[in-house]
Amino acid sequence: MLSSQASWTIRRRIIILTLFWCGVLVTYLSVWGRDIQLSETSVNGLLLLMASVIGSYVFGATWDHNSQRKAEVDAMAVGAGIPPTQQGGATVVQQNNPVAPTGPAMPPPPGE
């Protein structure tokens, strides 16, 4: 398995090559391409591809950062002896408190 840094290096290369390739094709079709519907559709598709690559890069970086942060929190919890659990898709750290609190759950209302 690749390290996180090596993984992002490969991702960046793929993203840069894809954006460069799309930019070259858009430039070619805009400057030297024939004025037909196919050229317009191709340019629109390439521009949408560029936008989706950029959006995926930003979203992927955010997702990766949040996953790494949650993994660090889980590692800290396990190191402290608290077992992590997965509930509803979010990481929840369950604390096992052997001593139940004493007394009423709520104080009596004023005036009683």
C-alpha atoms as a PDB file:
ATOM      1  CA  MET A   1       0.000   0.000   0.000  1.00  0.00           C
ATOM      2  CA  LEU A   2       1.265   3.440  -0.873  1.00  0.00           C
ATOM      3  CA  SER A   3       1.824   6.052   1.776  1.00  0.00           C
ATOM      4  CA  SER A   4      -0.536   9.009   1.876  1.00  0.00           C
ATOM      5  CA  GLN A   5       2.126  11.334   0.476  1.00  0.00           C
ATOM      6  CA  ALA A   6       2.991   8.995  -2.428  1.00  0.00           C
ATOM      7  CA  SER A   7      -0.693   8.474  -3.145  1.00  0.00           C
ATOM      8  CA  TRP A   8      -1.277  12.228  -3.420  1.00  0.00           C
ATOM      9  CA  THR A   9       1.797  12.633  -5.633  1.00  0.00           C
ATOM     10  CA  ILE A  10       0.341  10.144  -8.101  1.00  0.00           C
ATOM     11  CA  ARG A  11      -3.101  11.773  -7.882  1.00  0.00           C
ATOM     12  CA  ARG A  12      -1.629  15.204  -8.594  1.00  0.00           C
ATOM     13  CA  ARG A  13       0.188  13.886 -11.676  1.00  0.00           C
ATOM     14  CA  ILE A  14      -3.008  12.347 -13.040  1.00  0.00           C
ATOM     15  CA  ILE A  15      -4.962  15.547 -12.329  1.00  0.00           C
ATOM     16  CA  ILE A  16      -2.356  17.803 -13.932  1.00  0.00           C
ATOM     17  CA  LEU A  17      -2.100  15.571 -17.010  1.00  0.00           C
ATOM     18  CA  THR A  18      -5.890  15.432 -17.374  1.00  0.00           C
ATOM     19  CA  LEU A  19      -6.262  19.203 -17.043  1.00  0.00           C
ATOM     20  CA  PHE A  20      -3.382  19.787 -19.484  1.00  0.00           C
ATOM     21  CA  TRP A  21      -4.849  17.345 -22.022  1.00  0.00           C
ATOM     22  CA  CYS A  22      -8.302  18.962 -21.756  1.00  0.00           C
ATOM     23  CA  GLY A  23      -6.783  22.435 -22.083  1.00  0.00           C
ATOM     24  CA  VAL A  24      -4.864  21.450 -25.229  1.00  0.00           C
ATOM     25  CA  LEU A  25      -7.967  19.936 -26.820  1.00  0.00           C
ATOM     26  CA  VAL A  26     -10.170  22.914 -25.913  1.00  0.00           C
ATOM     27  CA  THR A  27      -7.569  25.302 -27.360  1.00  0.00           C
ATOM     28  CA  TYR A  28      -7.205  23.232 -30.527  1.00  0.00           C
ATOM     29  CA  LEU A  29     -10.966  22.961 -31.073  1.00  0.00           C
ATOM     30  CA  SER A  30     -11.483  26.671 -30.332  1.00  0.00           C
ATOM     31  CA  VAL A  31      -8.719  27.931 -32.625  1.00  0.00           C
ATOM     32  CA  TRP A  32      -8.426  25.372 -35.437  1.00  0.00           C
ATOM     33  CA  GLY A  33     -11.559  23.258 -35.060  1.00  0.00           C
ATOM     34  CA  ARG A  34     -14.380  23.371 -37.562  1.00  0.00           C
ATOM     35  CA  ASP A  35     -17.492  25.311 -36.606  1.00  0.00           C
ATOM     36  CA  ILE A  36     -19.798  22.325 -36.223  1.00  0.00           C
ATOM     37  CA  GLN A  37     -22.011  21.014 -33.439  1.00  0.00           C
ATOM     38  CA  LEU A  38     -19.562  18.182 -32.669  1.00  0.00           C
ATOM     39  CA  SER A  39     -16.778  20.663 -31.815  1.00  0.00           C
ATOM     40  CA  GLU A  40     -19.087  22.644 -29.524  1.00  0.00           C
ATOM     41  CA  THR A  41     -20.272  19.490 -27.775  1.00  0.00           C
ATOM     42  CA  SER A  42     -16.688  18.254 -27.381  1.00  0.00           C
ATOM     43  CA  VAL A  43     -15.543  21.566 -25.872  1.00  0.00           C
ATOM     44  CA  ASN A  44     -18.497  21.579 -23.463  1.00  0.00           C
ATOM     45  CA  GLY A  45     -17.708  17.987 -22.409  1.00  0.00           C
ATOM     46  CA  LEU A  46     -14.028  18.794 -21.911  1.00  0.00           C
ATOM     47  CA  LEU A  47     -14.839  21.872 -19.825  1.00  0.00           C
ATOM     48  CA  LEU A  48     -17.222  19.795 -17.691  1.00  0.00           C
ATOM     49  CA  LEU A  49     -14.487  17.173 -17.297  1.00  0.00           C
ATOM     50  CA  MET A  50     -12.044  19.863 -16.146  1.00  0.00           C
ATOM     51  CA  ALA A  51     -14.581  21.220 -13.639  1.00  0.00           C
ATOM     52  CA  SER A  52     -15.354  17.758 -12.283  1.00  0.00           C
ATOM     53  CA  VAL A  53     -11.637  16.910 -11.926  1.00  0.00           C
ATOM     54  CA  ILE A  54     -11.031  20.101  -9.945  1.00  0.00           C
ATOM     55  CA  GLY A  55     -14.128  19.508  -7.805  1.00  0.00           C
ATOM     56  CA  SER A  56     -13.153  15.907  -7.149  1.00  0.00           C
ATOM     57  CA  TYR A  57      -9.619  16.957  -6.213  1.00  0.00           C
ATOM     58  CA  VAL A  58     -10.876  19.448  -3.636  1.00  0.00           C
ATOM     59  CA  PHE A  59     -13.536  17.065  -2.287  1.00  0.00           C
ATOM     60  CA  GLY A  60     -11.080  14.156  -2.221  1.00  0.00           C
ATOM     61  CA  ALA A  61      -8.519  16.191  -0.308  1.00  0.00           C
ATOM     62  CA  THR A  62     -11.145  17.199   2.250  1.00  0.00           C
ATOM     63  CA  TRP A  63     -12.399  13.620   2.572  1.00  0.00           C
ATOM     64  CA  ASP A  64      -8.862  12.275   2.967  1.00  0.00           C
ATOM     65  CA  HIS A  65      -8.013  14.906   5.597  1.00  0.00           C
ATOM     66  CA  ASN A  66     -11.161  14.155   7.613  1.00  0.00           C
ATOM     67  CA  SER A  67     -10.568  10.393   7.416  1.00  0.00           C
ATOM     68  CA  GLN A  68      -6.988  10.855   8.601  1.00  0.00           C
ATOM     69  CA  ARG A  69      -8.150  13.075  11.484  1.00  0.00           C
ATOM     70  CA  LYS A  70     -10.763  10.511  12.554  1.00  0.00           C
ATOM     71  CA  ALA A  71      -8.159   7.738  12.404  1.00  0.00           C
ATOM     72  CA  GLU A  72      -5.903   9.785  14.698  1.00  0.00           C
ATOM     73  CA  VAL A  73      -8.769  10.305  17.166  1.00  0.00           C
ATOM     74  CA  ASP A  74      -9.518   6.558  17.109  1.00  0.00           C
ATOM     75  CA  ALA A  75      -5.862   5.764  17.705  1.00  0.00           C
ATOM     76  CA  MET A  76      -5.796   8.136  20.686  1.00  0.00           C
ATOM     77  CA  ALA A  77      -8.979   6.546  22.067  1.00  0.00           C
ATOM     78  CA  VAL A  78      -7.599   3.021  21.722  1.00  0.00           C
ATOM     79  CA  GLY A  79      -4.351   4.177  23.360  1.00  0.00           C
ATOM     80  CA  ALA A  80      -6.411   5.480  26.286  1.00  0.00           C
ATOM     81  CA  GLY A  81      -8.226   2.154  26.615  1.00  0.00           C
ATOM     82  CA  ILE A  82     -11.533   3.363  25.182  1.00  0.00           C
ATOM     83  CA  PRO A  83     -12.870   1.121  22.376  1.00  0.00           C
ATOM     84  CA  PRO A  84     -14.011   3.041  19.283  1.00  0.00           C
ATOM     85  CA  THR A  85     -17.297   2.038  17.664  1.00  0.00           C
ATOM     86  CA  GLN A  86     -18.952   2.830  14.334  1.00  0.00           C
ATOM     87  CA  GLN A  87     -22.563   4.028  14.535  1.00  0.00           C
ATOM     88  CA  GLY A  88     -24.432   5.761  11.759  1.00  0.00           C
ATOM     89  CA  GLY A  89     -21.333   6.265   9.619  1.00  0.00           C
ATOM     90  CA  ALA A  90     -19.614   8.554  12.111  1.00  0.00           C
ATOM     91  CA  THR A  91     -16.861   7.592  14.506  1.00  0.00           C
ATOM     92  CA  VAL A  92     -18.188   7.479  18.048  1.00  0.00           C
ATOM     93  CA  VAL A  93     -15.929   6.917  21.040  1.00  0.00           C
ATOM     94  CA  GLN A  94     -17.760   5.006  23.728  1.00  0.00           C
ATOM     95  CA  GLN A  95     -16.733   5.684  27.311  1.00  0.00           C
ATOM     96  CA  ASN A  96     -17.248   2.878  29.748  1.00  0.00           C
ATOM     97  CA  ASN A  97     -18.022   4.585  33.030  1.00  0.00           C
ATOM     98  CA  PRO A  98     -18.449   1.859  35.698  1.00  0.00           C
ATOM     99  CA  VAL A  99     -19.796   4.248  38.353  1.00  0.00           C
ATOM    100  CA  ALA A 100     -23.376   5.373  37.742  1.00  0.00           C
ATOM    101  CA  PRO A 101     -24.179   8.905  38.872  1.00  0.00           C
ATOM    102  CA  THR A 102     -26.174   9.116  42.086  1.00  0.00           C
ATOM    103  CA  GLY A 103     -29.198  11.274  42.820  1.00  0.00           C
ATOM    104  CA  PRO A 104     -32.116  12.342  40.673  1.00  0.00           C
ATOM    105  CA  ALA A 105     -31.631  12.935  36.966  1.00  0.00           C
ATOM    106  CA  MET A 106     -33.113  16.412  37.316  1.00  0.00           C
ATOM    107  CA  PRO A 107     -33.463  18.631  40.364  1.00  0.00           C
ATOM    108  CA  PRO A 108     -36.990  19.208  41.622  1.00  0.00           C
ATOM    109  CA  PRO A 109     -38.749  22.237  40.134  1.00  0.00           C
ATOM    110  CA  PRO A 110     -38.602  25.427  42.196  1.00  0.00           C
ATOM    111  CA  GLY A 111     -41.505  25.985  44.560  1.00  0.00           C
ATOM    112  CA  GLU A 112     -42.026  22.361  45.559  1.00  0.00           C
END
